[in-house]
Protein backbone atom coordinates (compact mmCIF):
# COMPACT_ATOMS: atom_id res chain seq x y z
CA MET A 1 -6.11 66.85 5.18
CA THR A 2 -4.17 65.88 2.07
CA THR A 3 -0.61 64.91 1.23
CA VAL A 4 1.92 67.70 1.62
CA GLU A 5 4.60 67.19 -0.99
CA GLN A 6 4.95 70.96 -1.27
CA PRO A 7 5.42 73.14 1.82
CA VAL A 8 2.25 74.36 3.54
CA ASP A 9 2.12 77.14 6.08
CA VAL A 10 1.48 76.10 9.68
CA LEU A 11 0.73 78.43 12.60
CA LEU A 12 2.49 77.67 15.86
CA SER A 13 1.20 78.30 19.36
CA ASP A 14 3.08 81.61 19.63
CA GLY A 15 1.50 82.94 16.43
CA THR A 16 4.57 82.49 14.26
CA THR A 17 4.47 80.61 10.95
CA VAL A 18 6.58 77.70 9.74
CA GLN A 19 6.18 75.32 6.83
CA LEU A 20 5.55 71.58 6.76
CA ARG A 21 6.05 69.03 4.00
CA GLN A 22 6.96 65.39 3.41
CA ILE A 23 10.63 64.53 3.76
CA ARG A 24 12.77 64.11 0.63
CA PRO A 25 16.07 62.31 -0.01
CA ASP A 26 17.74 65.64 -0.75
CA ASP A 27 16.99 66.73 2.84
CA ALA A 28 19.95 64.70 4.07
CA ALA A 29 22.34 67.63 4.52
CA ALA A 30 19.68 69.72 6.28
CA ILE A 31 18.88 66.82 8.63
CA VAL A 32 22.56 66.52 9.56
CA ALA A 33 22.73 70.27 10.16
CA MET A 34 19.66 70.18 12.39
CA HIS A 35 21.09 67.25 14.34
CA ALA A 36 24.28 69.25 14.93
CA ARG A 37 22.21 72.05 16.51
CA PHE A 38 20.53 69.74 19.02
CA SER A 39 21.61 69.98 22.64
CA GLU A 40 22.97 66.82 24.25
CA ARG A 41 19.74 66.55 26.24
CA THR A 42 17.56 66.70 23.12
CA ARG A 43 19.64 63.98 21.44
CA TYR A 44 19.47 61.77 24.50
CA LEU A 45 15.72 62.16 24.97
CA ARG A 46 15.07 61.33 21.31
CA TYR A 47 17.58 58.53 20.70
CA PHE A 48 18.10 57.22 24.28
CA SER A 49 21.84 57.68 23.78
CA PRO A 50 24.31 60.53 23.10
CA TYR A 51 24.12 59.84 19.32
CA PRO A 52 26.62 62.60 18.45
CA ARG A 53 26.40 62.05 14.69
CA ILE A 54 24.06 60.31 12.25
CA PRO A 55 25.76 57.36 10.50
CA GLU A 56 25.41 57.38 6.72
CA ARG A 57 23.31 54.21 6.81
CA ASP A 58 20.85 55.73 9.29
CA LEU A 59 20.73 59.01 7.40
CA LYS A 60 19.77 57.33 4.14
CA ARG A 61 16.96 55.46 5.90
CA PHE A 62 15.78 58.63 7.65
CA VAL A 63 15.27 60.57 4.42
CA THR A 64 14.04 57.72 2.21
CA VAL A 65 10.43 56.70 2.91
CA ASP A 66 7.67 55.08 0.87
CA HIS A 67 4.88 57.43 2.14
CA ARG A 68 2.81 54.39 3.08
CA ASP A 69 4.44 52.01 5.56
CA ARG A 70 7.01 54.64 6.40
CA GLU A 71 6.24 58.34 6.39
CA ALA A 72 8.08 61.43 7.61
CA PHE A 73 7.39 65.16 7.68
CA VAL A 74 9.81 68.01 8.17
CA VAL A 75 9.11 71.46 9.56
CA LEU A 76 10.99 74.38 8.03
CA ALA A 77 11.74 77.83 9.37
CA GLY A 78 12.85 79.63 6.26
CA GLU A 79 15.23 77.27 4.47
CA ARG A 80 16.24 75.45 7.64
CA ILE A 81 14.71 72.19 8.88
CA VAL A 82 13.90 72.56 12.59
CA ALA A 83 11.87 69.43 13.29
CA VAL A 84 11.09 66.01 11.87
CA GLY A 85 8.38 63.47 12.69
CA ARG A 86 7.89 59.98 11.36
CA TYR A 87 5.95 56.77 11.69
CA GLU A 88 6.96 53.25 10.71
CA ARG A 89 4.51 50.39 10.36
CA LEU A 90 5.26 47.45 12.65
CA GLY A 91 5.48 44.71 10.03
CA PRO A 92 3.75 44.07 6.71
CA ALA A 93 0.04 44.97 6.79
CA SER A 94 0.22 45.67 10.53
CA PRO A 95 -2.44 48.05 11.83
CA GLU A 96 0.13 49.54 14.21
CA ALA A 97 3.01 51.92 13.63
CA GLU A 98 5.68 53.43 15.84
CA VAL A 99 5.68 57.22 15.91
CA ALA A 100 8.48 59.57 16.91
CA PHE A 101 9.48 63.17 16.39
CA VAL A 102 12.17 65.59 17.47
CA VAL A 103 12.23 69.39 17.52
CA GLU A 104 15.26 71.66 17.53
CA ASP A 105 15.81 73.25 20.95
CA ALA A 106 15.07 76.82 19.86
CA TYR A 107 11.64 75.75 18.55
CA GLN A 108 10.50 73.54 21.39
CA GLY A 109 7.40 74.55 23.31
CA ARG A 110 5.68 76.13 20.31
CA GLY A 111 3.29 73.28 19.42
CA ILE A 112 5.34 71.70 16.63
CA GLY A 113 5.01 68.24 18.17
CA SER A 114 1.22 68.47 18.08
CA VAL A 115 1.27 69.63 14.46
CA LEU A 116 3.50 66.72 13.45
CA LEU A 117 1.37 64.22 15.36
CA GLU A 118 -1.79 65.48 13.66
CA HIS A 119 -0.33 65.12 10.17
CA LEU A 120 1.28 61.77 10.89
CA ALA A 121 -1.98 60.36 12.27
CA ASP A 122 -3.90 61.57 9.23
CA ALA A 123 -1.38 60.05 6.82
CA ALA A 124 -1.23 56.76 8.71
CA GLY A 125 -5.01 56.46 8.86
CA ARG A 126 -5.26 56.75 5.08
CA HIS A 127 -3.04 53.67 4.79
CA GLY A 128 -4.86 51.35 7.17
CA ILE A 129 -2.94 52.11 10.37
CA VAL A 130 -5.24 52.48 13.37
CA HIS A 131 -2.84 52.53 16.35
CA PHE A 132 0.34 54.39 17.16
CA VAL A 133 2.88 53.17 19.66
CA ALA A 134 5.76 55.18 21.07
CA GLU A 135 8.61 54.80 23.52
CA VAL A 136 9.45 57.81 25.65
CA LEU A 137 11.91 58.30 28.48
CA PRO A 138 10.22 59.27 31.77
CA ALA A 139 12.33 62.44 31.87
CA ASN A 140 10.79 63.60 28.59
CA GLY A 141 7.76 65.23 30.16
CA THR A 142 7.21 67.53 27.18
CA MET A 143 6.79 64.61 24.80
CA LEU A 144 4.51 62.76 27.19
CA ARG A 145 2.29 65.85 27.42
CA VAL A 146 2.05 66.12 23.62
CA PHE A 147 0.44 62.68 23.47
CA ALA A 148 -1.72 63.20 26.57
CA ASP A 149 -2.96 66.67 25.60
CA PHE A 150 -3.99 65.65 22.08
CA GLY A 151 -7.14 63.94 23.33
CA TYR A 152 -6.12 60.37 22.54
CA GLN A 153 -6.98 57.54 24.91
CA VAL A 154 -3.37 56.70 25.72
CA GLN A 155 -2.41 53.48 27.47
CA ARG A 156 0.89 53.60 29.35
CA GLN A 157 3.20 50.89 30.56
CA TYR A 158 6.56 51.35 32.23
CA ALA A 159 9.24 48.76 31.61
CA ASP A 160 13.02 48.74 31.42
CA GLY A 161 13.25 52.43 32.17
CA VAL A 162 10.98 53.46 29.28
CA VAL A 163 7.34 54.55 29.09
CA HIS A 164 5.55 52.53 26.39
CA LEU A 165 2.54 54.31 24.90
CA SER A 166 -0.25 52.91 22.74
CA PHE A 167 -3.30 54.73 21.43
CA PRO A 168 -5.87 54.63 18.60
CA ILE A 169 -5.44 57.45 16.10
CA ALA A 170 -8.96 57.69 14.69
CA ALA A 171 -10.39 61.18 15.12
CA THR A 172 -12.82 61.55 18.03
CA GLU A 173 -14.81 64.44 19.43
CA ALA A 174 -12.05 64.90 21.99
CA THR A 175 -9.21 65.06 19.45
CA LEU A 176 -11.20 67.31 17.11
CA ALA A 177 -11.98 69.66 20.00
CA VAL A 178 -8.29 69.82 20.87
CA GLN A 179 -7.38 70.61 17.25
CA ARG A 180 -10.03 73.31 16.96
CA GLY A 181 -8.94 74.86 20.23
CA ARG A 182 -5.30 74.90 19.14
CA GLU A 183 -6.23 76.49 15.80
CA HIS A 184 -8.26 79.22 17.50
CA ARG A 185 -5.44 80.05 19.92
CA THR A 186 -2.76 80.15 17.25
CA GLU A 187 -4.89 82.29 14.93
CA ALA A 188 -5.58 84.73 17.76
CA ARG A 189 -1.89 85.03 18.61
CA SER A 190 -0.94 85.44 14.95
CA ILE A 191 -2.95 88.68 14.68
CA ALA A 192 -2.37 89.92 18.25
CA ARG A 193 0.45 92.24 17.18
CA LEU A 194 -1.78 93.71 14.48
CA LEU A 195 -4.65 94.35 16.90
CA ALA A 196 -2.47 95.56 19.78
CA PRO A 197 0.69 97.09 18.27
CA ARG A 198 3.42 98.77 20.32
CA GLY A 199 4.05 101.26 17.52
CA ILE A 200 2.50 102.39 14.23
CA ALA A 201 4.17 103.89 11.17
CA VAL A 202 2.02 106.08 8.92
CA TYR A 203 3.20 106.66 5.35
CA GLY A 204 1.83 109.43 3.16
CA ALA A 205 0.52 111.78 5.87
CA SER A 206 0.73 115.24 4.30
CA THR A 207 2.20 118.03 6.38
CA THR A 208 -0.69 120.21 5.19
CA GLY A 209 -3.09 118.15 7.26
CA GLN A 210 -5.10 117.23 4.18
CA GLY A 211 -5.77 113.78 2.72
CA VAL A 212 -6.42 110.27 3.97
CA GLY A 213 -2.97 109.80 5.53
CA ALA A 214 -3.24 112.97 7.58
CA ALA A 215 -6.75 112.00 8.68
CA LEU A 216 -5.52 108.59 9.80
CA LEU A 217 -2.68 110.17 11.75
CA GLY A 218 -5.10 112.53 13.42
CA HIS A 219 -7.44 109.70 14.40
CA LEU A 220 -4.54 107.81 15.96
CA ARG A 221 -3.55 110.79 18.06
CA ASP A 222 -7.08 111.77 19.00
CA GLY A 223 -7.99 108.18 19.80
CA GLY A 224 -5.41 108.00 22.53
CA PHE A 225 -3.01 105.45 21.04
CA ALA A 226 -0.30 105.16 23.67
CA GLY A 227 2.44 103.63 21.55
CA ALA A 228 5.01 105.25 19.33
CA ILE A 229 3.74 106.83 16.11
């Protein structure tokens, strides 16, 4: 995996496609717009507070990273940012970094968290980071499952109402198997509508019954396709 300054296509668990790239300072307005679309629950689970708006100081820090000690990726659906994930090294030359990500409500449950975690871990590993830590509210079961289901050996501690997670990010047979399995499932779902369509439109089928289009139409009918033609 390489750096992603330019958007790259990413398949989600439902077979749809989004794009992923590194964050840029000019993403500020899009980050504010995404934040405004969050439900109160999503804001609370991510920031541990209502956090109704992003202060200018925080916004500037969110979108300005050095791509080494601090990295962030955004996920785009069309022109709109729908998710962001980041890590921040815990002190100069530290081998540990804190990781966090948030996904817009309408896109939750589609595997975006796993995609962000994979890219963040790869980027961090190339800069000498070997462990991620994270703080997650116990009510955030979805986020806890993202870490647990990735194949990492996650250590958990509960203190002060927060679950503290720590895990090595080096690729293992377990994490690679999880990634391969996710890729196979998403690829299968991405072509499912092509292989099992509800309807088919045929262009260029001559009314004379001659030609390739007419032959294709005849094969569809004779083959017993049950959908609309």
